[in-house]
Amino acid sequence: MKNRIVFYLVLMIVCSGMVLGQTNKKELKQRSITIGMIGKIATNPVFIAAYSGASVAAKELGAKYKVDIFIDLQTPKVEDVREQAAAMENFARSGVSGIAIACSDANYLSPTIDEVSDKGIPVMCFDSDAPKSKRFAYCGADDSEFGKMLMKEMAAELKGKGVIAVLAGNKNALNQQRRLQGLKDELKKYPKITLSADNIYHNLEIPDRAVEMVTRAQKTNPNIEGWILLGSWPLLVKNSFKWNPGEVKVVAGNAVPAELDYVMSGYVQSLVGVNCFQMGYKTVESLLNKIINNTDPKISRMFVPLTQISKENVEEWSLNWKKWLLKEAVNR
């Protein structure tokens, strides 16, 4: 009888140890969270600043939740939706806690987003959305308003009359589609400004090729009096324009550091700036709330501020980028 009692006591101790061990492993796992992050193009300052915001959020919110948070960045060197899909699949296999992605092609990536979400890994879009997928939220610019702001600025520069052209990015990217539609909607208010279908150019968001496209189009159509750039691509290299400052009006999006020199020199009259740092921060903040608290944001589409940049405030805006990129370097 005594032996049987001893046996049961030993068995209880062993079982308790096993349960305790499993609990400790679970707690240890919960103390470490990895978030996969996928931008469109690794060298684009938009995604560098977004990663900076994500890294700061990981550090600050990790202290709040008492967990170690890691941001695993896997952005293609050049825009490649297949590489983005592969990165998502790799993240899912490695067991990340959540994924943030800027979609180069919403239609192509939606099935992959759905597959990953069905495995219990929350997916959030930033910069460019995939609203028909199972992503739980989006954070970025209000792209319709973005396009309208660019058009308003161009109309002011041309005093409501002239021929314009548009340089857009990847035609499959939803943010580019929405920016272009917002521009067209605003254009209806200016009947004396002409934008023909032939003067809308899509590019693969490669700076040198974007410069070639603008140069060739302007040479072929010298009657173009203004260019609206839906992104920063041709302004990421120096001496992009083959005309004198102000001779052809230019307004552009994103307001990344390289663009600011063009404003100072007078080649670009106005920019629409996006708070890319805040975009990355809010994305990680929302993902963590989903991962840790299983809570969705009150609004599924969260917009970051848009700021009009001209010669009057370009130096002030440049200070933002110095802070964002410094934080990015520190957090590397």
Protein backbone atom coordinates (compact mmCIF):
# COMPACT_ATOMS: atom_id res chain seq x y z
CA MET A 1 0.00 0.00 0.00
CA LYS A 2 2.81 2.36 0.96
CA ASN A 3 4.58 1.62 -2.34
CA ARG A 4 1.41 2.44 -4.27
CA ILE A 5 1.08 5.80 -2.48
CA VAL A 6 4.71 6.64 -3.21
CA PHE A 7 4.15 5.68 -6.86
CA TYR A 8 1.16 8.05 -7.18
CA LEU A 9 3.07 10.88 -5.48
CA VAL A 10 5.97 10.47 -7.88
CA LEU A 11 3.56 10.34 -10.83
CA MET A 12 1.86 13.57 -9.70
CA ILE A 13 5.20 15.33 -9.34
CA VAL A 14 6.28 14.20 -12.82
CA CYS A 15 2.98 15.30 -14.39
CA SER A 16 3.12 18.64 -12.60
CA GLY A 17 6.64 19.15 -13.90
CA MET A 18 5.50 18.38 -17.44
CA VAL A 19 2.61 20.86 -17.23
CA LEU A 20 4.87 23.49 -15.70
CA GLY A 21 7.43 22.91 -18.43
CA GLN A 22 4.80 23.29 -21.14
CA THR A 23 3.51 26.48 -19.51
CA ASN A 24 7.02 27.93 -19.35
CA LYS A 25 7.59 27.08 -23.01
CA LYS A 26 4.31 28.78 -23.93
CA GLU A 27 5.21 31.87 -21.90
CA LEU A 28 8.69 31.93 -23.41
CA LYS A 29 7.20 31.72 -26.90
CA GLN A 30 4.81 34.55 -26.10
CA ARG A 31 7.72 36.74 -25.00
CA SER A 32 9.14 36.66 -28.54
CA ILE A 33 7.10 37.92 -31.50
CA THR A 34 8.35 38.10 -35.10
CA ILE A 35 6.53 40.23 -37.66
CA GLY A 36 7.34 39.75 -41.33
CA MET A 37 7.43 42.97 -43.36
CA ILE A 38 7.40 43.20 -47.17
CA GLY A 39 7.69 46.48 -49.07
CA LYS A 40 7.64 46.96 -52.83
CA ILE A 41 11.22 48.05 -53.55
CA ALA A 42 14.08 47.82 -51.03
CA THR A 43 15.82 51.04 -52.12
CA ASN A 44 12.69 53.21 -52.16
CA PRO A 45 12.85 55.69 -49.23
CA VAL A 46 9.11 55.21 -48.62
CA PHE A 47 9.73 51.65 -47.45
CA ILE A 48 12.97 52.51 -45.65
CA ALA A 49 11.09 55.09 -43.56
CA ALA A 50 8.17 52.69 -43.03
CA TYR A 51 10.61 50.08 -41.72
CA SER A 52 12.07 52.75 -39.42
CA GLY A 53 8.63 53.42 -37.97
CA ALA A 54 7.99 49.70 -37.62
CA SER A 55 11.28 49.21 -35.75
CA VAL A 56 10.57 52.05 -33.33
CA ALA A 57 7.09 50.63 -32.71
CA ALA A 58 8.62 47.21 -32.02
CA LYS A 59 10.97 48.69 -29.44
CA GLU A 60 8.43 50.92 -27.69
CA LEU A 61 5.51 48.49 -27.73
CA GLY A 62 7.73 45.55 -26.85
CA ALA A 63 8.47 47.32 -23.57
CA LYS A 64 4.74 47.97 -23.07
CA TYR A 65 3.72 44.34 -23.68
CA LYS A 66 6.90 42.92 -22.08
CA VAL A 67 7.80 40.92 -25.18
CA ASP A 68 10.74 40.93 -27.58
CA ILE A 69 9.49 42.02 -31.00
CA PHE A 70 11.50 41.44 -34.17
CA ILE A 71 10.76 42.96 -37.59
CA ASP A 72 11.95 40.59 -40.33
CA LEU A 73 12.20 42.70 -43.51
CA GLN A 74 12.11 40.88 -46.87
CA THR A 75 11.52 43.44 -49.62
CA PRO A 76 12.46 42.75 -53.28
CA LYS A 77 15.38 44.74 -54.70
CA VAL A 78 13.22 45.55 -57.72
CA GLU A 79 9.44 45.37 -57.81
CA ASP A 80 8.46 41.71 -58.15
CA VAL A 81 5.05 40.50 -57.02
CA ARG A 82 6.12 36.85 -57.30
CA GLU A 83 8.97 37.51 -54.89
CA GLN A 84 6.50 39.17 -52.53
CA ALA A 85 4.26 36.10 -52.63
CA ALA A 86 7.24 33.82 -52.00
CA ALA A 87 8.29 35.96 -49.02
CA MET A 88 4.80 35.59 -47.53
CA GLU A 89 4.94 31.84 -47.95
CA ASN A 90 8.40 31.73 -46.35
CA PHE A 91 7.16 33.77 -43.41
CA ALA A 92 4.19 31.44 -42.94
CA ARG A 93 6.48 28.38 -42.95
CA SER A 94 8.84 29.97 -40.44
CA GLY A 95 5.97 30.62 -38.03
CA VAL A 96 5.90 34.42 -37.81
CA SER A 97 3.20 35.95 -35.63
CA GLY A 98 1.97 38.39 -38.29
CA ILE A 99 2.78 39.90 -41.69
CA ALA A 100 2.70 43.44 -43.10
CA ILE A 101 2.81 43.82 -46.88
CA ALA A 102 2.67 46.65 -49.45
CA CYS A 103 0.97 44.94 -52.38
CA SER A 104 2.44 45.44 -55.84
CA ASP A 105 -0.57 43.62 -57.31
CA ALA A 106 -3.64 43.11 -55.12
CA ASN A 107 -5.26 40.55 -57.42
CA TYR A 108 -2.12 38.41 -57.61
CA LEU A 109 -1.40 38.52 -53.87
CA SER A 110 -4.93 38.13 -52.50
CA PRO A 111 -4.98 34.29 -52.74
CA THR A 112 -1.67 34.10 -50.86
CA ILE A 113 -2.91 36.54 -48.23
CA ASP A 114 -6.03 34.40 -47.81
CA GLU A 115 -4.00 31.19 -47.46
CA VAL A 116 -1.75 32.74 -44.81
CA SER A 117 -4.71 34.23 -42.94
CA ASP A 118 -6.46 30.85 -42.94
CA LYS A 119 -3.43 29.44 -41.12
CA GLY A 120 -4.09 31.86 -38.27
CA ILE A 121 -1.42 34.42 -39.19
CA PRO A 122 -2.92 37.93 -39.32
CA VAL A 123 -1.99 39.93 -42.43
CA MET A 124 -2.12 43.71 -42.69
CA CYS A 125 -1.51 45.84 -45.80
CA PHE A 126 0.38 49.13 -45.79
CA ASP A 127 1.04 51.67 -48.56
CA SER A 128 -0.94 49.64 -51.13
CA ASP A 129 -4.02 47.62 -50.18
CA ALA A 130 -5.67 44.32 -51.15
CA PRO A 131 -9.20 45.03 -49.84
CA LYS A 132 -10.82 41.93 -51.35
CA SER A 133 -8.43 39.64 -49.48
CA LYS A 134 -8.64 38.44 -45.88
CA ARG A 135 -6.21 41.07 -44.65
CA PHE A 136 -7.70 42.54 -41.48
CA ALA A 137 -6.65 46.18 -42.02
CA TYR A 138 -4.79 48.73 -44.16
CA CYS A 139 -2.61 51.69 -43.20
CA GLY A 140 -1.34 54.28 -45.66
CA ALA A 141 -2.30 57.33 -47.66
CA ASP A 142 -5.85 58.12 -48.71
CA ASP A 143 -4.89 57.59 -52.33
CA SER A 144 -7.99 59.20 -53.79
CA GLU A 145 -7.31 62.37 -51.81
CA PHE A 146 -3.63 62.06 -52.77
CA GLY A 147 -4.51 62.23 -56.47
CA LYS A 148 -6.92 65.11 -55.93
CA MET A 149 -4.29 67.15 -54.10
CA LEU A 150 -1.80 66.67 -56.94
CA MET A 151 -4.37 67.79 -59.50
CA LYS A 152 -5.35 70.86 -57.45
CA GLU A 153 -1.71 71.89 -57.21
CA MET A 154 -1.14 71.46 -60.94
CA ALA A 155 -4.29 73.46 -61.73
CA ALA A 156 -3.01 76.28 -59.54
CA GLU A 157 0.38 76.27 -61.27
CA LEU A 158 -1.22 76.39 -64.75
CA LYS A 159 -3.86 78.89 -63.64
CA GLY A 160 -6.58 76.49 -64.74
CA LYS A 161 -5.52 76.07 -68.36
CA GLY A 162 -3.07 73.83 -70.26
CA VAL A 163 -2.04 70.37 -71.46
CA ILE A 164 -0.75 67.92 -68.86
CA ALA A 165 0.73 64.43 -68.69
CA VAL A 166 0.79 61.88 -65.85
CA LEU A 167 3.53 59.47 -64.87
CA ALA A 168 1.97 56.63 -62.89
CA GLY A 169 3.58 53.55 -61.36
CA ASN A 170 2.69 49.89 -61.64
CA LYS A 171 -0.77 49.78 -63.22
CA ASN A 172 -1.65 46.69 -61.14
CA ALA A 173 -0.96 48.42 -57.80
CA LEU A 174 -4.19 49.53 -56.15
CA ASN A 175 -2.67 52.67 -54.63
CA GLN A 176 -1.61 53.82 -58.12
CA GLN A 177 -5.06 53.07 -59.53
CA ARG A 178 -6.75 55.05 -56.77
CA ARG A 179 -4.38 58.00 -57.08
CA LEU A 180 -5.00 58.18 -60.81
CA GLN A 181 -8.77 57.98 -60.34
CA GLY A 182 -8.68 60.71 -57.69
CA LEU A 183 -6.70 62.88 -60.10
CA LYS A 184 -9.23 62.30 -62.88
CA ASP A 185 -12.14 63.08 -60.57
CA GLU A 186 -10.57 66.40 -59.62
CA LEU A 187 -9.67 67.16 -63.24
CA LYS A 188 -13.39 67.40 -64.07
CA LYS A 189 -13.42 70.73 -62.22
CA TYR A 190 -10.97 72.22 -64.74
CA PRO A 191 -12.45 72.01 -68.26
CA LYS A 192 -9.59 74.02 -69.76
CA ILE A 193 -6.94 71.52 -68.62
CA THR A 194 -6.44 68.65 -71.05
CA LEU A 195 -5.22 65.14 -70.17
CA SER A 196 -5.47 62.66 -73.03
CA ALA A 197 -5.25 58.89 -72.54
CA ASP A 198 -2.03 58.92 -74.60
CA ASN A 199 -0.44 61.23 -72.03
CA ILE A 200 -0.88 58.80 -69.13
CA TYR A 201 2.28 56.71 -68.74
CA HIS A 202 2.78 53.71 -66.48
CA ASN A 203 6.26 52.62 -65.43
CA LEU A 204 7.78 49.78 -63.42
CA GLU A 205 8.95 52.24 -60.75
CA ILE A 206 12.60 52.03 -61.81
CA PRO A 207 14.15 55.55 -61.62
CA ASP A 208 16.33 55.49 -64.76
CA ARG A 209 13.54 54.06 -66.90
CA ALA A 210 11.09 56.60 -65.50
CA VAL A 211 13.45 59.41 -66.54
CA GLU A 212 13.70 57.96 -70.04
CA MET A 213 9.90 57.73 -70.27
CA VAL A 214 9.36 61.38 -69.27
CA THR A 215 12.16 62.62 -71.54
CA ARG A 216 10.88 60.69 -74.55
CA ALA A 217 7.26 61.75 -73.98
CA GLN A 218 8.15 65.43 -73.59
CA LYS A 219 10.27 65.36 -76.75
CA THR A 220 7.46 63.68 -78.70
CA ASN A 221 4.80 66.00 -77.25
CA PRO A 222 6.42 69.42 -76.64
CA ASN A 223 2.96 70.89 -76.03
CA ILE A 224 2.88 69.24 -72.57
CA GLU A 225 2.93 72.12 -70.08
CA GLY A 226 2.81 70.15 -66.85
CA TRP A 227 3.67 66.74 -65.41
CA ILE A 228 1.96 65.06 -62.48
CA LEU A 229 4.13 62.31 -61.01
CA LEU A 230 2.12 59.91 -58.84
CA GLY A 231 5.36 58.78 -57.20
CA SER A 232 8.96 59.87 -56.84
CA TRP A 233 10.65 57.60 -59.40
CA PRO A 234 12.31 60.02 -61.90
CA LEU A 235 13.27 62.34 -59.03
CA LEU A 236 15.38 59.69 -57.31
CA VAL A 237 18.24 60.49 -59.72
CA LYS A 238 19.85 63.85 -60.47
CA ASN A 239 19.31 66.04 -63.56
CA SER A 240 16.20 64.20 -64.71
CA PHE A 241 14.60 67.04 -66.64
CA LYS A 242 15.80 68.41 -69.99
CA TRP A 243 14.17 71.82 -69.58
CA ASN A 244 14.83 74.93 -67.52
CA PRO A 245 13.34 75.24 -64.01
CA GLY A 246 9.67 76.18 -64.22
CA GLU A 247 9.54 75.88 -68.01
CA VAL A 248 7.38 72.76 -67.59
CA LYS A 249 5.43 72.63 -64.33
CA VAL A 250 5.91 69.52 -62.18
CA VAL A 251 4.05 68.29 -59.10
CA ALA A 252 4.84 64.93 -57.53
CA GLY A 253 3.98 62.52 -54.75
CA ASN A 254 5.68 61.14 -51.62
CA ALA A 255 8.20 63.97 -50.96
CA VAL A 256 11.17 61.70 -50.26
CA PRO A 257 14.61 63.33 -49.70
CA ALA A 258 15.79 63.29 -53.33
CA GLU A 259 12.65 65.13 -54.41
CA LEU A 260 13.28 68.01 -52.02
CA ASP A 261 16.33 69.16 -54.01
CA TYR A 262 14.12 69.50 -57.08
CA VAL A 263 11.76 71.77 -55.14
CA MET A 264 14.65 73.94 -53.91
CA SER A 265 16.04 74.27 -57.45
CA GLY A 266 12.64 75.17 -58.92
CA TYR A 267 12.26 72.16 -61.22
CA VAL A 268 9.37 70.85 -59.08
CA GLN A 269 6.76 73.31 -57.89
CA SER A 270 4.93 71.19 -55.33
CA LEU A 271 4.87 67.80 -53.61
CA VAL A 272 2.37 65.77 -51.62
CA GLY A 273 4.20 64.32 -48.65
CA VAL A 274 3.25 61.07 -46.90
CA ASN A 275 4.20 60.37 -43.29
CA CYS A 276 5.89 57.06 -44.13
CA PHE A 277 7.35 56.69 -40.64
CA GLN A 278 3.90 56.86 -39.06
CA MET A 279 2.62 54.37 -41.63
CA GLY A 280 5.15 51.77 -40.44
CA TYR A 281 4.54 52.54 -36.77
CA LYS A 282 0.76 52.27 -36.97
CA THR A 283 0.99 49.07 -38.98
CA VAL A 284 3.04 47.30 -36.31
CA GLU A 285 0.88 48.79 -33.54
CA SER A 286 -2.26 47.36 -35.16
CA LEU A 287 -0.64 43.99 -35.83
CA LEU A 288 0.46 43.65 -32.22
CA ASN A 289 -3.01 44.53 -30.96
CA LYS A 290 -4.35 41.79 -33.22
CA ILE A 291 -1.69 39.24 -32.23
CA ILE A 292 -1.70 39.86 -28.48
CA ASN A 293 -5.25 41.06 -27.79
CA ASN A 294 -7.06 39.56 -30.81
CA THR A 295 -8.52 43.01 -31.43
CA ASP A 296 -9.20 44.59 -34.81
CA PRO A 297 -8.81 48.35 -35.28
CA LYS A 298 -12.03 50.38 -35.09
CA ILE A 299 -11.44 51.50 -38.69
CA SER A 300 -10.16 48.89 -41.16
CA ARG A 301 -8.60 51.53 -43.45
CA MET A 302 -6.36 53.90 -41.50
CA PHE A 303 -4.96 56.95 -43.26
CA VAL A 304 -1.73 58.78 -42.40
CA PRO A 305 -1.43 62.56 -42.87
CA LEU A 306 -0.77 64.12 -46.29
CA THR A 307 1.21 67.36 -46.40
CA GLN A 308 1.62 69.82 -49.28
CA ILE A 309 5.29 70.70 -49.73
CA SER A 310 6.58 73.80 -51.52
CA LYS A 311 9.60 76.09 -51.23
CA GLU A 312 8.01 77.66 -48.15
CA ASN A 313 8.12 74.50 -46.01
CA VAL A 314 10.55 72.19 -47.81
CA GLU A 315 13.33 72.65 -45.22
CA GLU A 316 10.95 71.91 -42.38
CA TRP A 317 9.79 68.73 -44.15
CA SER A 318 13.40 67.66 -44.74
CA LEU A 319 13.92 67.56 -40.97
CA ASN A 320 11.29 64.81 -40.74
CA TRP A 321 13.29 62.64 -43.11
CA LYS A 322 16.51 63.23 -41.19
CA LYS A 323 14.81 61.97 -38.05
CA TRP A 324 13.15 59.01 -39.79
CA LEU A 325 16.32 57.84 -41.55
CA LEU A 326 18.43 58.37 -38.44
CA LYS A 327 16.06 56.14 -36.47
CA GLU A 328 16.22 53.58 -39.30
CA ALA A 329 20.02 53.53 -39.10
CA VAL A 330 20.00 53.26 -35.32
CA ASN A 331 17.57 50.35 -35.38
CA ARG A 332 19.46 48.36 -37.98
